[in-house]
Amino acid sequence: MIAALRFILYFDPMFKGGYTYILTNKHRTTLYTGVSSDIIGRTYDHKTHRYKYSFSDRYNLEYLVYYEVFDGIEDAIAREKQIKKMRRAKKETLINAINPGWEDLYDSVLKDLL
């Protein structure tokens, strides 16, 4: 199902946007900020440790706790750069504003996009 959905998102000529997202691990000790045009597929890659020895693999970053949607991938990339420059406390404020329990948002994103 993920492969089929990934195909739809990548080849949908109407979707030109992107997502900026933040992942964390079980103990919330590490934050990772990323950008993708396919938030479902990319988060799935993180959850399944597709890229061995990557930062997200080493620190077990499997929980999607924050994301933003953009009309253009360029805007998503610019926002990713802004967030990466932020101190951890500011990133925590962003997360707490939309997800105070730091719940994994992956399933809700999956439902919203299907």
PDB file of N, CA and C in Angstrom:
ATOM      1  N   MET A   1       0.825  -1.194   0.000  1.00  0.00           N
ATOM      2  CA  MET A   1       0.000   0.000   0.000  1.00  0.00           C
ATOM      3  C   MET A   1       0.868   1.257   0.000  1.00  0.00           C
ATOM      4  N   ILE A   2       1.942   1.254   0.790  1.00  0.00           N
ATOM      5  CA  ILE A   2       2.814   2.422   0.849  1.00  0.00           C
ATOM      6  C   ILE A   2       3.424   2.687  -0.531  1.00  0.00           C
ATOM      7  N   ALA A   3       3.858   1.637  -1.220  1.00  0.00           N
ATOM      8  CA  ALA A   3       4.457   1.811  -2.543  1.00  0.00           C
ATOM      9  C   ALA A   3       3.453   2.425  -3.515  1.00  0.00           C
ATOM     10  N   ALA A   4       2.207   1.968  -3.466  1.00  0.00           N
ATOM     11  CA  ALA A   4       1.183   2.520  -4.351  1.00  0.00           C
ATOM     12  C   ALA A   4       0.907   3.981  -4.029  1.00  0.00           C
ATOM     13  N   LEU A   5       0.815   4.292  -2.757  1.00  0.00           N
ATOM     14  CA  LEU A   5       0.576   5.676  -2.349  1.00  0.00           C
ATOM     15  C   LEU A   5       1.754   6.552  -2.734  1.00  0.00           C
ATOM     16  N   ARG A   6       2.970   6.039  -2.559  1.00  0.00           N
ATOM     17  CA  ARG A   6       4.171   6.777  -2.935  1.00  0.00           C
ATOM     18  C   ARG A   6       4.136   7.070  -4.437  1.00  0.00           C
ATOM     19  N   PHE A   7       3.719   6.106  -5.242  1.00  0.00           N
ATOM     20  CA  PHE A   7       3.619   6.301  -6.684  1.00  0.00           C
ATOM     21  C   PHE A   7       2.643   7.431  -7.000  1.00  0.00           C
ATOM     22  N   ILE A   8       1.490   7.420  -6.343  1.00  0.00           N
ATOM     23  CA  ILE A   8       0.474   8.448  -6.571  1.00  0.00           C
ATOM     24  C   ILE A   8       1.020   9.831  -6.218  1.00  0.00           C
ATOM     25  N   LEU A   9       1.662   9.963  -5.072  1.00  0.00           N
ATOM     26  CA  LEU A   9       2.165  11.268  -4.647  1.00  0.00           C
ATOM     27  C   LEU A   9       3.281  11.774  -5.549  1.00  0.00           C
ATOM     28  N   TYR A  10       4.179  10.891  -5.963  1.00  0.00           N
ATOM     29  CA  TYR A  10       5.286  11.324  -6.802  1.00  0.00           C
ATOM     30  C   TYR A  10       4.847  11.680  -8.209  1.00  0.00           C
ATOM     31  N   PHE A  11       3.830  11.005  -8.711  1.00  0.00           N
ATOM     32  CA  PHE A  11       3.451  11.195 -10.096  1.00  0.00           C
ATOM     33  C   PHE A  11       2.148  11.947 -10.286  1.00  0.00           C
ATOM     34  N   ASP A  12       1.624  12.498  -9.232  1.00  0.00           N
ATOM     35  CA  ASP A  12       0.437  13.335  -9.336  1.00  0.00           C
ATOM     36  C   ASP A  12       0.875  14.706  -9.830  1.00  0.00           C
ATOM     37  N   PRO A  13       0.528  15.064 -11.060  1.00  0.00           N
ATOM     38  CA  PRO A  13       0.985  16.340 -11.608  1.00  0.00           C
ATOM     39  C   PRO A  13       0.397  17.555 -10.888  1.00  0.00           C
ATOM     40  N   MET A  14      -0.650  17.343 -10.106  1.00  0.00           N
ATOM     41  CA  MET A  14      -1.267  18.450  -9.396  1.00  0.00           C
ATOM     42  C   MET A  14      -0.534  18.783  -8.104  1.00  0.00           C
ATOM     43  N   PHE A  15       0.193  17.801  -7.536  1.00  0.00           N
ATOM     44  CA  PHE A  15       0.866  18.038  -6.259  1.00  0.00           C
ATOM     45  C   PHE A  15       2.270  18.552  -6.512  1.00  0.00           C
ATOM     46  N   LYS A  16       2.501  19.799  -6.170  1.00  0.00           N
ATOM     47  CA  LYS A  16       3.815  20.408  -6.334  1.00  0.00           C
ATOM     48  C   LYS A  16       4.378  20.875  -5.000  1.00  0.00           C
ATOM     49  N   GLY A  17       3.688  20.547  -3.943  1.00  0.00           N
ATOM     50  CA  GLY A  17       4.049  21.047  -2.633  1.00  0.00           C
ATOM     51  C   GLY A  17       5.080  20.212  -1.918  1.00  0.00           C
ATOM     52  N   GLY A  18       5.224  20.532  -0.648  1.00  0.00           N
ATOM     53  CA  GLY A  18       6.180  19.811   0.166  1.00  0.00           C
ATOM     54  C   GLY A  18       5.815  19.904   1.633  1.00  0.00           C
ATOM     55  N   TYR A  19       6.554  19.171   2.421  1.00  0.00           N
ATOM     56  CA  TYR A  19       6.333  19.103   3.855  1.00  0.00           C
ATOM     57  C   TYR A  19       7.654  19.320   4.579  1.00  0.00           C
ATOM     58  N   THR A  20       7.594  20.047   5.663  1.00  0.00           N
ATOM     59  CA  THR A  20       8.703  20.127   6.600  1.00  0.00           C
ATOM     60  C   THR A  20       8.228  19.382   7.835  1.00  0.00           C
ATOM     61  N   TYR A  21       9.100  18.549   8.390  1.00  0.00           N
ATOM     62  CA  TYR A  21       8.667  17.714   9.498  1.00  0.00           C
ATOM     63  C   TYR A  21       9.758  17.579  10.552  1.00  0.00           C
ATOM     64  N   ILE A  22       9.322  17.185  11.751  1.00  0.00           N
ATOM     65  CA  ILE A  22      10.249  16.908  12.848  1.00  0.00           C
ATOM     66  C   ILE A  22       9.940  15.519  13.382  1.00  0.00           C
ATOM     67  N   LEU A  23      10.992  14.726  13.536  1.00  0.00           N
ATOM     68  CA  LEU A  23      10.898  13.389  14.117  1.00  0.00           C
ATOM     69  C   LEU A  23      11.626  13.363  15.448  1.00  0.00           C
ATOM     70  N   THR A  24      11.228  12.424  16.294  1.00  0.00           N
ATOM     71  CA  THR A  24      11.955  12.197  17.534  1.00  0.00           C
ATOM     72  C   THR A  24      11.981  10.703  17.813  1.00  0.00           C
ATOM     73  N   ASN A  25      12.648  10.331  18.900  1.00  0.00           N
ATOM     74  CA  ASN A  25      12.725   8.927  19.290  1.00  0.00           C
ATOM     75  C   ASN A  25      11.798   8.669  20.483  1.00  0.00           C
ATOM     76  N   LYS A  26      11.800   7.445  20.954  1.00  0.00           N
ATOM     77  CA  LYS A  26      10.912   7.035  22.046  1.00  0.00           C
ATOM     78  C   LYS A  26      11.073   7.901  23.292  1.00  0.00           C
ATOM     79  N   HIS A  27      12.303   8.268  23.600  1.00  0.00           N
ATOM     80  CA  HIS A  27      12.577   9.039  24.816  1.00  0.00           C
ATOM     81  C   HIS A  27      12.647  10.553  24.577  1.00  0.00           C
ATOM     82  N   ARG A  28      12.381  10.980  23.341  1.00  0.00           N
ATOM     83  CA  ARG A  28      12.366  12.404  22.970  1.00  0.00           C
ATOM     84  C   ARG A  28      13.708  13.097  23.219  1.00  0.00           C
ATOM     85  N   THR A  29      14.778  12.353  23.126  1.00  0.00           N
ATOM     86  CA  THR A  29      16.100  12.934  23.401  1.00  0.00           C
ATOM     87  C   THR A  29      16.739  13.590  22.186  1.00  0.00           C
ATOM     88  N   THR A  30      16.300  13.224  21.001  1.00  0.00           N
ATOM     89  CA  THR A  30      16.883  13.763  19.768  1.00  0.00           C
ATOM     90  C   THR A  30      15.775  14.212  18.838  1.00  0.00           C
ATOM     91  N   LEU A  31      15.993  15.329  18.165  1.00  0.00           N
ATOM     92  CA  LEU A  31      15.055  15.835  17.167  1.00  0.00           C
ATOM     93  C   LEU A  31      15.738  15.849  15.806  1.00  0.00           C
ATOM     94  N   TYR A  32      14.967  15.527  14.784  1.00  0.00           N
ATOM     95  CA  TYR A  32      15.462  15.558  13.405  1.00  0.00           C
ATOM     96  C   TYR A  32      14.484  16.365  12.580  1.00  0.00           C
ATOM     97  N   THR A  33      14.972  17.326  11.839  1.00  0.00           N
ATOM     98  CA  THR A  33      14.133  18.137  10.951  1.00  0.00           C
ATOM     99  C   THR A  33      14.418  17.737   9.519  1.00  0.00           C
ATOM    100  N   GLY A  34      13.364  17.501   8.756  1.00  0.00           N
ATOM    101  CA  GLY A  34      13.531  17.092   7.368  1.00  0.00           C
ATOM    102  C   GLY A  34      12.510  17.752   6.470  1.00  0.00           C
ATOM    103  N   VAL A  35      12.662  17.485   5.178  1.00  0.00           N
ATOM    104  CA  VAL A  35      11.751  18.016   4.167  1.00  0.00           C
ATOM    105  C   VAL A  35      11.508  16.930   3.132  1.00  0.00           C
ATOM    106  N   SER A  36      10.286  16.884   2.601  1.00  0.00           N
ATOM    107  CA  SER A  36       9.959  15.879   1.597  1.00  0.00           C
ATOM    108  C   SER A  36       8.703  16.298   0.842  1.00  0.00           C
ATOM    109  N   SER A  37       8.582  15.797  -0.367  1.00  0.00           N
ATOM    110  CA  SER A  37       7.331  15.984  -1.104  1.00  0.00           C
ATOM    111  C   SER A  37       6.390  14.810  -0.830  1.00  0.00           C
ATOM    112  N   ASP A  38       6.864  13.813  -0.116  1.00  0.00           N
ATOM    113  CA  ASP A  38       6.104  12.602   0.194  1.00  0.00           C
ATOM    114  C   ASP A  38       6.255  12.290   1.680  1.00  0.00           C
ATOM    115  N   ILE A  39       5.476  12.932   2.514  1.00  0.00           N
ATOM    116  CA  ILE A  39       5.637  12.777   3.964  1.00  0.00           C
ATOM    117  C   ILE A  39       5.319  11.353   4.430  1.00  0.00           C
ATOM    118  N   ILE A  40       4.372  10.697   3.797  1.00  0.00           N
ATOM    119  CA  ILE A  40       4.032   9.335   4.196  1.00  0.00           C
ATOM    120  C   ILE A  40       5.187   8.388   3.888  1.00  0.00           C
ATOM    121  N   GLY A  41       5.657   8.427   2.665  1.00  0.00           N
ATOM    122  CA  GLY A  41       6.751   7.549   2.267  1.00  0.00           C
ATOM    123  C   GLY A  41       8.033   7.822   3.022  1.00  0.00           C
ATOM    124  N   ARG A  42       8.336   9.097   3.201  1.00  0.00           N
ATOM    125  CA  ARG A  42       9.587   9.452   3.892  1.00  0.00           C
ATOM    126  C   ARG A  42       9.526   9.055   5.362  1.00  0.00           C
ATOM    127  N   THR A  43       8.397   9.286   6.019  1.00  0.00           N
ATOM    128  CA  THR A  43       8.257   8.883   7.414  1.00  0.00           C
ATOM    129  C   THR A  43       8.326   7.358   7.531  1.00  0.00           C
ATOM    130  N   TYR A  44       7.727   6.669   6.587  1.00  0.00           N
ATOM    131  CA  TYR A  44       7.799   5.210   6.566  1.00  0.00           C
ATOM    132  C   TYR A  44       9.260   4.755   6.451  1.00  0.00           C
ATOM    133  N   ASP A  45      10.039   5.433   5.610  1.00  0.00           N
ATOM    134  CA  ASP A  45      11.472   5.123   5.495  1.00  0.00           C
ATOM    135  C   ASP A  45      12.170   5.250   6.850  1.00  0.00           C
ATOM    136  N   HIS A  46      11.862   6.316   7.566  1.00  0.00           N
ATOM    137  CA  HIS A  46      12.465   6.514   8.891  1.00  0.00           C
ATOM    138  C   HIS A  46      12.021   5.407   9.854  1.00  0.00           C
ATOM    139  N   LYS A  47      10.729   5.103   9.854  1.00  0.00           N
ATOM    140  CA  LYS A  47      10.197   4.111  10.784  1.00  0.00           C
ATOM    141  C   LYS A  47      10.778   2.718  10.545  1.00  0.00           C
ATOM    142  N   THR A  48      11.041   2.383   9.306  1.00  0.00           N
ATOM    143  CA  THR A  48      11.540   1.052   8.962  1.00  0.00           C
ATOM    144  C   THR A  48      13.063   1.012   8.840  1.00  0.00           C
ATOM    145  N   HIS A  49      13.714   2.122   9.141  1.00  0.00           N
ATOM    146  CA  HIS A  49      15.183   2.210   9.087  1.00  0.00           C
ATOM    147  C   HIS A  49      15.706   1.811   7.706  1.00  0.00           C
ATOM    148  N   ARG A  50      15.069   2.343   6.686  1.00  0.00           N
ATOM    149  CA  ARG A  50      15.440   2.007   5.310  1.00  0.00           C
ATOM    150  C   ARG A  50      16.900   2.341   5.017  1.00  0.00           C
ATOM    151  N   TYR A  51      17.368   3.470   5.507  1.00  0.00           N
ATOM    152  CA  TYR A  51      18.740   3.892   5.245  1.00  0.00           C
ATOM    153  C   TYR A  51      19.596   3.595   6.468  1.00  0.00           C
ATOM    154  N   LYS A  52      20.234   2.442   6.443  1.00  0.00           N
ATOM    155  CA  LYS A  52      21.064   2.008   7.560  1.00  0.00           C
ATOM    156  C   LYS A  52      22.223   2.981   7.771  1.00  0.00           C
ATOM    157  N   TYR A  53      22.548   3.195   9.016  1.00  0.00           N
ATOM    158  CA  TYR A  53      23.650   4.058   9.443  1.00  0.00           C
ATOM    159  C   TYR A  53      23.382   5.547   9.223  1.00  0.00           C
ATOM    160  N   SER A  54      22.168   5.896   8.848  1.00  0.00           N
ATOM    161  CA  SER A  54      21.810   7.315   8.723  1.00  0.00           C
ATOM    162  C   SER A  54      21.573   7.879  10.119  1.00  0.00           C
ATOM    163  N   PHE A  55      21.468   9.189  10.208  1.00  0.00           N
ATOM    164  CA  PHE A  55      21.229   9.854  11.492  1.00  0.00           C
ATOM    165  C   PHE A  55      19.951   9.318  12.147  1.00  0.00           C
ATOM    166  N   SER A  56      18.891   9.230  11.358  1.00  0.00           N
ATOM    167  CA  SER A  56      17.616   8.775  11.935  1.00  0.00           C
ATOM    168  C   SER A  56      17.670   7.303  12.337  1.00  0.00           C
ATOM    169  N   ASP A  57      18.458   6.506  11.648  1.00  0.00           N
ATOM    170  CA  ASP A  57      18.629   5.109  12.011  1.00  0.00           C
ATOM    171  C   ASP A  57      19.416   4.981  13.319  1.00  0.00           C
ATOM    172  N   ARG A  58      20.517   5.693  13.419  1.00  0.00           N
ATOM    173  CA  ARG A  58      21.370   5.614  14.607  1.00  0.00           C
ATOM    174  C   ARG A  58      20.651   6.043  15.884  1.00  0.00           C
ATOM    175  N   TYR A  59      19.786   7.053  15.764  1.00  0.00           N
ATOM    176  CA  TYR A  59      19.102   7.587  16.943  1.00  0.00           C
ATOM    177  C   TYR A  59      17.649   7.125  17.060  1.00  0.00           C
ATOM    178  N   ASN A  60      17.263   6.148  16.243  1.00  0.00           N
ATOM    179  CA  ASN A  60      15.904   5.569  16.297  1.00  0.00           C
ATOM    180  C   ASN A  60      14.805   6.625  16.213  1.00  0.00           C
ATOM    181  N   LEU A  61      14.920   7.508  15.251  1.00  0.00           N
ATOM    182  CA  LEU A  61      13.947   8.585  15.082  1.00  0.00           C
ATOM    183  C   LEU A  61      12.780   8.065  14.243  1.00  0.00           C
ATOM    184  N   GLU A  62      11.735   7.660  14.932  1.00  0.00           N
ATOM    185  CA  GLU A  62      10.609   6.994  14.285  1.00  0.00           C
ATOM    186  C   GLU A  62       9.266   7.684  14.516  1.00  0.00           C
ATOM    187  N   TYR A  63       9.232   8.733  15.314  1.00  0.00           N
ATOM    188  CA  TYR A  63       7.973   9.368  15.697  1.00  0.00           C
ATOM    189  C   TYR A  63       7.833  10.737  15.028  1.00  0.00           C
ATOM    190  N   LEU A  64       6.831  10.845  14.171  1.00  0.00           N
ATOM    191  CA  LEU A  64       6.522  12.115  13.516  1.00  0.00           C
ATOM    192  C   LEU A  64       5.723  12.956  14.501  1.00  0.00           C
ATOM    193  N   VAL A  65       6.343  14.015  15.011  1.00  0.00           N
ATOM    194  CA  VAL A  65       5.673  14.819  16.039  1.00  0.00           C
ATOM    195  C   VAL A  65       5.262  16.202  15.559  1.00  0.00           C
ATOM    196  N   TYR A  66       5.710  16.580  14.353  1.00  0.00           N
ATOM    197  CA  TYR A  66       5.393  17.920  13.851  1.00  0.00           C
ATOM    198  C   TYR A  66       5.546  17.915  12.339  1.00  0.00           C
ATOM    199  N   TYR A  67       4.658  18.641  11.659  1.00  0.00           N
ATOM    200  CA  TYR A  67       4.836  18.853  10.225  1.00  0.00           C
ATOM    201  C   TYR A  67       4.086  20.094   9.778  1.00  0.00           C
ATOM    202  N   GLU A  68       4.543  20.637   8.680  1.00  0.00           N
ATOM    203  CA  GLU A  68       3.888  21.770   8.029  1.00  0.00           C
ATOM    204  C   GLU A  68       3.764  21.436   6.551  1.00  0.00           C
ATOM    205  N   VAL A  69       2.702  21.916   5.925  1.00  0.00           N
ATOM    206  CA  VAL A  69       2.439  21.678   4.514  1.00  0.00           C
ATOM    207  C   VAL A  69       2.667  22.979   3.747  1.00  0.00           C
ATOM    208  N   PHE A  70       3.296  22.876   2.566  1.00  0.00           N
ATOM    209  CA  PHE A  70       3.587  24.050   1.745  1.00  0.00           C
ATOM    210  C   PHE A  70       3.133  23.807   0.308  1.00  0.00           C
ATOM    211  N   ASP A  71       2.755  24.889  -0.356  1.00  0.00           N
ATOM    212  CA  ASP A  71       2.331  24.794  -1.757  1.00  0.00           C
ATOM    213  C   ASP A  71       3.492  24.471  -2.686  1.00  0.00           C
ATOM    214  N   GLY A  72       4.685  24.894  -2.320  1.00  0.00           N
ATOM    215  CA  GLY A  72       5.861  24.637  -3.152  1.00  0.00           C
ATOM    216  C   GLY A  72       6.983  24.010  -2.339  1.00  0.00           C
ATOM    217  N   ILE A  73       7.723  23.117  -2.956  1.00  0.00           N
ATOM    218  CA  ILE A  73       8.816  22.455  -2.250  1.00  0.00           C
ATOM    219  C   ILE A  73       9.894  23.466  -1.848  1.00  0.00           C
ATOM    220  N   GLU A  74      10.044  24.522  -2.619  1.00  0.00           N
ATOM    221  CA  GLU A  74      11.028  25.544  -2.274  1.00  0.00           C
ATOM    222  C   GLU A  74      10.713  26.189  -0.935  1.00  0.00           C
ATOM    223  N   ASP A  75       9.423  26.437  -0.690  1.00  0.00           N
ATOM    224  CA  ASP A  75       9.008  27.010   0.591  1.00  0.00           C
ATOM    225  C   ASP A  75       9.256  26.032   1.738  1.00  0.00           C
ATOM    226  N   ALA A  76       9.034  24.757   1.482  1.00  0.00           N
ATOM    227  CA  ALA A  76       9.276  23.735   2.502  1.00  0.00           C
ATOM    228  C   ALA A  76      10.765  23.664   2.835  1.00  0.00           C
ATOM    229  N   ILE A  77      11.610  23.751   1.828  1.00  0.00           N
ATOM    230  CA  ILE A  77      13.058  23.723   2.047  1.00  0.00           C
ATOM    231  C   ILE A  77      13.508  24.942   2.842  1.00  0.00           C
ATOM    232  N   ALA A  78      12.962  26.098   2.507  1.00  0.00           N
ATOM    233  CA  ALA A  78      13.309  27.323   3.244  1.00  0.00           C
ATOM    234  C   ALA A  78      12.896  27.211   4.708  1.00  0.00           C
ATOM    235  N   ARG A  79      11.717  26.649   4.952  1.00  0.00           N
ATOM    236  CA  ARG A  79      11.252  26.484   6.332  1.00  0.00           C
ATOM    237  C   ARG A  79      12.118  25.468   7.084  1.00  0.00           C
ATOM    238  N   GLU A  80      12.508  24.407   6.417  1.00  0.00           N
ATOM    239  CA  GLU A  80      13.402  23.419   7.034  1.00  0.00           C
ATOM    240  C   GLU A  80      14.691  24.100   7.507  1.00  0.00           C
ATOM    241  N   LYS A  81      15.244  24.959   6.677  1.00  0.00           N
ATOM    242  CA  LYS A  81      16.476  25.665   7.042  1.00  0.00           C
ATOM    243  C   LYS A  81      16.261  26.563   8.252  1.00  0.00           C
ATOM    244  N   GLN A  82      15.092  27.229   8.304  1.00  0.00           N
ATOM    245  CA  GLN A  82      14.771  28.065   9.466  1.00  0.00           C
ATOM    246  C   GLN A  82      14.706  27.230  10.742  1.00  0.00           C
ATOM    247  N   ILE A  83      13.994  26.126  10.664  1.00  0.00           N
ATOM    248  CA  ILE A  83      13.821  25.279  11.846  1.00  0.00           C
ATOM    249  C   ILE A  83      15.158  24.690  12.301  1.00  0.00           C
ATOM    250  N   LYS A  84      15.977  24.279  11.354  1.00  0.00           N
ATOM    251  CA  LYS A  84      17.274  23.696  11.716  1.00  0.00           C
ATOM    252  C   LYS A  84      18.163  24.682  12.461  1.00  0.00           C
ATOM    253  N   LYS A  85      17.974  25.963  12.219  1.00  0.00           N
ATOM    254  CA  LYS A  85      18.770  26.992  12.908  1.00  0.00           C
ATOM    255  C   LYS A  85      18.251  27.276  14.323  1.00  0.00           C
ATOM    256  N   MET A  86      17.040  26.828  14.620  1.00  0.00           N
ATOM    257  CA  MET A  86      16.432  27.107  15.922  1.00  0.00           C
ATOM    258  C   MET A  86      17.081  26.276  17.030  1.00  0.00           C
ATOM    259  N   ARG A  87      17.072  26.840  18.217  1.00  0.00           N
ATOM    260  CA  ARG A  87      17.480  26.077  19.395  1.00  0.00           C
ATOM    261  C   ARG A  87      16.397  25.046  19.708  1.00  0.00           C
ATOM    262  N   ARG A  88      16.772  24.043  20.453  1.00  0.00           N
ATOM    263  CA  ARG A  88      15.832  22.975  20.785  1.00  0.00           C
ATOM    264  C   ARG A  88      14.571  23.511  21.464  1.00  0.00           C
ATOM    265  N   ALA A  89      14.709  24.461  22.373  1.00  0.00           N
ATOM    266  CA  ALA A  89      13.557  24.996  23.096  1.00  0.00           C
ATOM    267  C   ALA A  89      12.517  25.578  22.126  1.00  0.00           C
ATOM    268  N   LYS A  90      12.965  26.242  21.116  1.00  0.00           N
ATOM    269  CA  LYS A  90      12.056  26.831  20.125  1.00  0.00           C
ATOM    270  C   LYS A  90      11.365  25.722  19.321  1.00  0.00           C
ATOM    271  N   LYS A  91      12.111  24.673  18.978  1.00  0.00           N
ATOM    272  CA  LYS A  91      11.512  23.540  18.274  1.00  0.00           C
ATOM    273  C   LYS A  91      10.456  22.865  19.149  1.00  0.00           C
ATOM    274  N   GLU A  92      10.751  22.752  20.425  1.00  0.00           N
ATOM    275  CA  GLU A  92       9.772  22.162  21.348  1.00  0.00           C
ATOM    276  C   GLU A  92       8.509  23.015  21.421  1.00  0.00           C
ATOM    277  N   THR A  93       8.659  24.321  21.359  1.00  0.00           N
ATOM    278  CA  THR A  93       7.499  25.224  21.352  1.00  0.00           C
ATOM    279  C   THR A  93       6.648  24.975  20.111  1.00  0.00           C
ATOM    280  N   LEU A  94       7.282  24.797  18.955  1.00  0.00           N
ATOM    281  CA  LEU A  94       6.550  24.494  17.716  1.00  0.00           C
ATOM    282  C   LEU A  94       5.759  23.197  17.875  1.00  0.00           C
ATOM    283  N   ILE A  95       6.434  22.169  18.372  1.00  0.00           N
ATOM    284  CA  ILE A  95       5.790  20.866  18.538  1.00  0.00           C
ATOM    285  C   ILE A  95       4.632  20.974  19.517  1.00  0.00           C
ATOM    286  N   ASN A  96       4.870  21.598  20.670  1.00  0.00           N
ATOM    287  CA  ASN A  96       3.831  21.714  21.701  1.00  0.00           C
ATOM    288  C   ASN A  96       2.611  22.497  21.232  1.00  0.00           C
ATOM    289  N   ALA A  97       2.802  23.409  20.292  1.00  0.00           N
ATOM    290  CA  ALA A  97       1.683  24.214  19.788  1.00  0.00           C
ATOM    291  C   ALA A  97       0.658  23.367  19.036  1.00  0.00           C
ATOM    292  N   ILE A  98       1.110  22.330  18.323  1.00  0.00           N
ATOM    293  CA  ILE A  98       0.163  21.500  17.566  1.00  0.00           C
ATOM    294  C   ILE A  98       0.023  20.090  18.119  1.00  0.00           C
ATOM    295  N   ASN A  99       0.978  19.672  18.940  1.00  0.00           N
ATOM    296  CA  ASN A  99       0.990  18.295  19.412  1.00  0.00           C
ATOM    297  C   ASN A  99       1.541  18.237  20.834  1.00  0.00           C
ATOM    298  N   PRO A 100       0.796  18.772  21.803  1.00  0.00           N
ATOM    299  CA  PRO A 100       1.316  18.875  23.170  1.00  0.00           C
ATOM    300  C   PRO A 100       1.673  17.538  23.810  1.00  0.00           C
ATOM    301  N   GLY A 101       1.065  16.451  23.382  1.00  0.00           N
ATOM    302  CA  GLY A 101       1.385  15.138  23.927  1.00  0.00           C
ATOM    303  C   GLY A 101       2.515  14.433  23.199  1.00  0.00           C
ATOM    304  N   TRP A 102       3.042  15.081  22.191  1.00  0.00           N
ATOM    305  CA  TRP A 102       4.116  14.509  21.354  1.00  0.00           C
ATOM    306  C   TRP A 102       3.720  13.125  20.837  1.00  0.00           C
ATOM    307  N   GLU A 103       2.464  13.004  20.426  1.00  0.00           N
ATOM    308  CA  GLU A 103       1.983  11.740  19.859  1.00  0.00           C
ATOM    309  C   GLU A 103       2.550  11.570  18.458  1.00  0.00           C
ATOM    310  N   ASP A 104       2.670  10.328  18.017  1.00  0.00           N
ATOM    311  CA  ASP A 104       3.116  10.043  16.655  1.00  0.00           C
ATOM    312  C   ASP A 104       1.974  10.397  15.701  1.00  0.00           C
ATOM    313  N   LEU A 105       2.212  11.335  14.799  1.00  0.00           N
ATOM    314  CA  LEU A 105       1.181  11.827  13.888  1.00  0.00           C
ATOM    315  C   LEU A 105       1.081  11.027  12.587  1.00  0.00           C
ATOM    316  N   TYR A 106       1.922  10.026  12.432  1.00  0.00           N
ATOM    317  CA  TYR A 106       1.983   9.278  11.179  1.00  0.00           C
ATOM    318  C   TYR A 106       0.629   8.706  10.775  1.00  0.00           C
ATOM    319  N   ASP A 107      -0.050   8.025  11.679  1.00  0.00           N
ATOM    320  CA  ASP A 107      -1.337   7.406  11.342  1.00  0.00           C
ATOM    321  C   ASP A 107      -2.391   8.446  10.964  1.00  0.00           C
ATOM    322  N   SER A 108      -2.399   9.579  11.634  1.00  0.00           N
ATOM    323  CA  SER A 108      -3.393  10.613  11.295  1.00  0.00           C
ATOM    324  C   SER A 108      -3.078  11.238   9.937  1.00  0.00           C
ATOM    325  N   VAL A 109      -1.801  11.403   9.613  1.00  0.00           N
ATOM    326  CA  VAL A 109      -1.424  11.916   8.283  1.00  0.00           C
ATOM    327  C   VAL A 109      -1.815  10.907   7.226  1.00  0.00           C
ATOM    328  N   LEU A 110      -1.571   9.656   7.489  1.00  0.00           N
ATOM    329  CA  LEU A 110      -1.933   8.593   6.551  1.00  0.00           C
ATOM    330  C   LEU A 110      -3.424   8.611   6.271  1.00  0.00           C
ATOM    331  N   LYS A 111      -4.246   8.736   7.326  1.00  0.00           N
ATOM    332  CA  LYS A 111      -5.704   8.786   7.164  1.00  0.00           C
ATOM    333  C   LYS A 111      -6.131  10.024   6.382  1.00  0.00           C
ATOM    334  N   ASP A 112      -5.502  11.170   6.677  1.00  0.00           N
ATOM    335  CA  ASP A 112      -5.864  12.427   6.019  1.00  0.00           C
ATOM    336  C   ASP A 112      -5.561  12.408   4.526  1.00  0.00           C
ATOM    337  N   LEU A 113      -4.476  11.750   4.146  1.00  0.00           N
ATOM    338  CA  LEU A 113      -4.077  11.761   2.740  1.00  0.00           C
ATOM    339  C   LEU A 113      -4.676  10.639   1.913  1.00  0.00           C
ATOM    340  N   LEU A 114      -5.309   9.688   2.567  1.00  0.00           N
ATOM    341  CA  LEU A 114      -5.925   8.575   1.814  1.00  0.00           C
ATOM    342  C   LEU A 114      -7.313   8.875   1.429  1.00  0.00           C
TER     343      LEU A 114
END
